[in-house]
Protein backbone atom coordinates (compact mmCIF):
# COMPACT_ATOMS: atom_id res chain seq x y z
CA UNK A 1 96.69 98.65 109.58
CA UNK A 2 93.85 96.67 108.48
CA UNK A 3 92.30 93.71 110.64
CA UNK A 4 89.74 91.37 109.08
CA UNK A 5 88.02 89.53 112.12
CA UNK A 6 86.58 86.09 111.84
CA UNK A 7 88.67 85.17 108.51
CA UNK A 8 90.41 81.97 107.62
CA UNK A 9 93.40 84.54 106.41
CA UNK A 10 94.23 88.22 107.11
CA UNK A 11 95.61 88.55 103.82
CA UNK A 12 93.40 91.12 102.68
CA UNK A 13 94.89 91.67 99.29
CA UNK A 14 94.30 88.23 98.31
CA UNK A 15 90.60 88.40 98.91
CA UNK A 16 89.36 90.17 95.33
CA UNK A 17 86.23 92.02 94.85
CA UNK A 18 84.07 90.66 97.76
CA UNK A 19 84.55 90.15 101.56
CA UNK A 20 84.28 86.65 102.88
CA UNK A 21 80.89 85.85 104.61
CA UNK A 22 83.03 84.88 107.69
CA UNK A 23 83.94 88.59 108.24
CA UNK A 24 82.12 90.47 110.77
CA UNK A 25 84.22 93.31 111.62
CA UNK A 26 86.75 95.35 109.33
CA UNK A 27 88.91 97.12 111.68
CA UNK A 28 90.92 100.38 110.35
CA UNK A 29 93.85 101.84 112.67
CA UNK A 30 96.33 103.94 111.15
CA UNK A 31 95.32 102.34 107.60
CA UNK A 32 97.75 102.65 104.84
CA UNK A 33 95.90 104.51 101.21
CA UNK A 34 95.92 100.87 99.66
CA UNK A 35 93.87 99.33 102.74
CA UNK A 36 91.53 102.33 102.65
CA UNK A 37 90.75 102.35 99.03
CA UNK A 38 90.29 98.10 99.78
CA UNK A 39 87.65 98.70 101.98
CA UNK A 40 85.68 101.39 100.15
CA UNK A 41 85.79 99.40 97.28
CA UNK A 42 84.56 95.90 98.69
CA UNK A 43 82.03 97.77 100.94
CA UNK A 44 80.84 100.45 98.74
CA UNK A 45 81.87 103.11 101.59
CA UNK A 46 83.70 106.15 101.76
CA UNK A 47 85.92 106.14 104.94
CA UNK A 48 86.55 109.57 106.51
CA UNK A 49 89.58 110.57 107.31
CA UNK A 50 91.30 113.52 109.71
CA UNK A 51 91.93 115.18 105.88
CA UNK A 52 88.28 114.54 104.63
CA UNK A 53 85.88 114.38 107.18
CA UNK A 54 82.50 113.50 106.43
């Protein structure tokens, strides 16, 4: 599950290439592959997983 806090919408798929400026927290709890890829793309980070630790 992907949860975005302090956003006027919870539809992360409609966000596009950048997170809205009112996002202060991104919470990934048992994320889908699509959710993980989205966070990695918009934040330009690699999200570690149990399969691929840092």
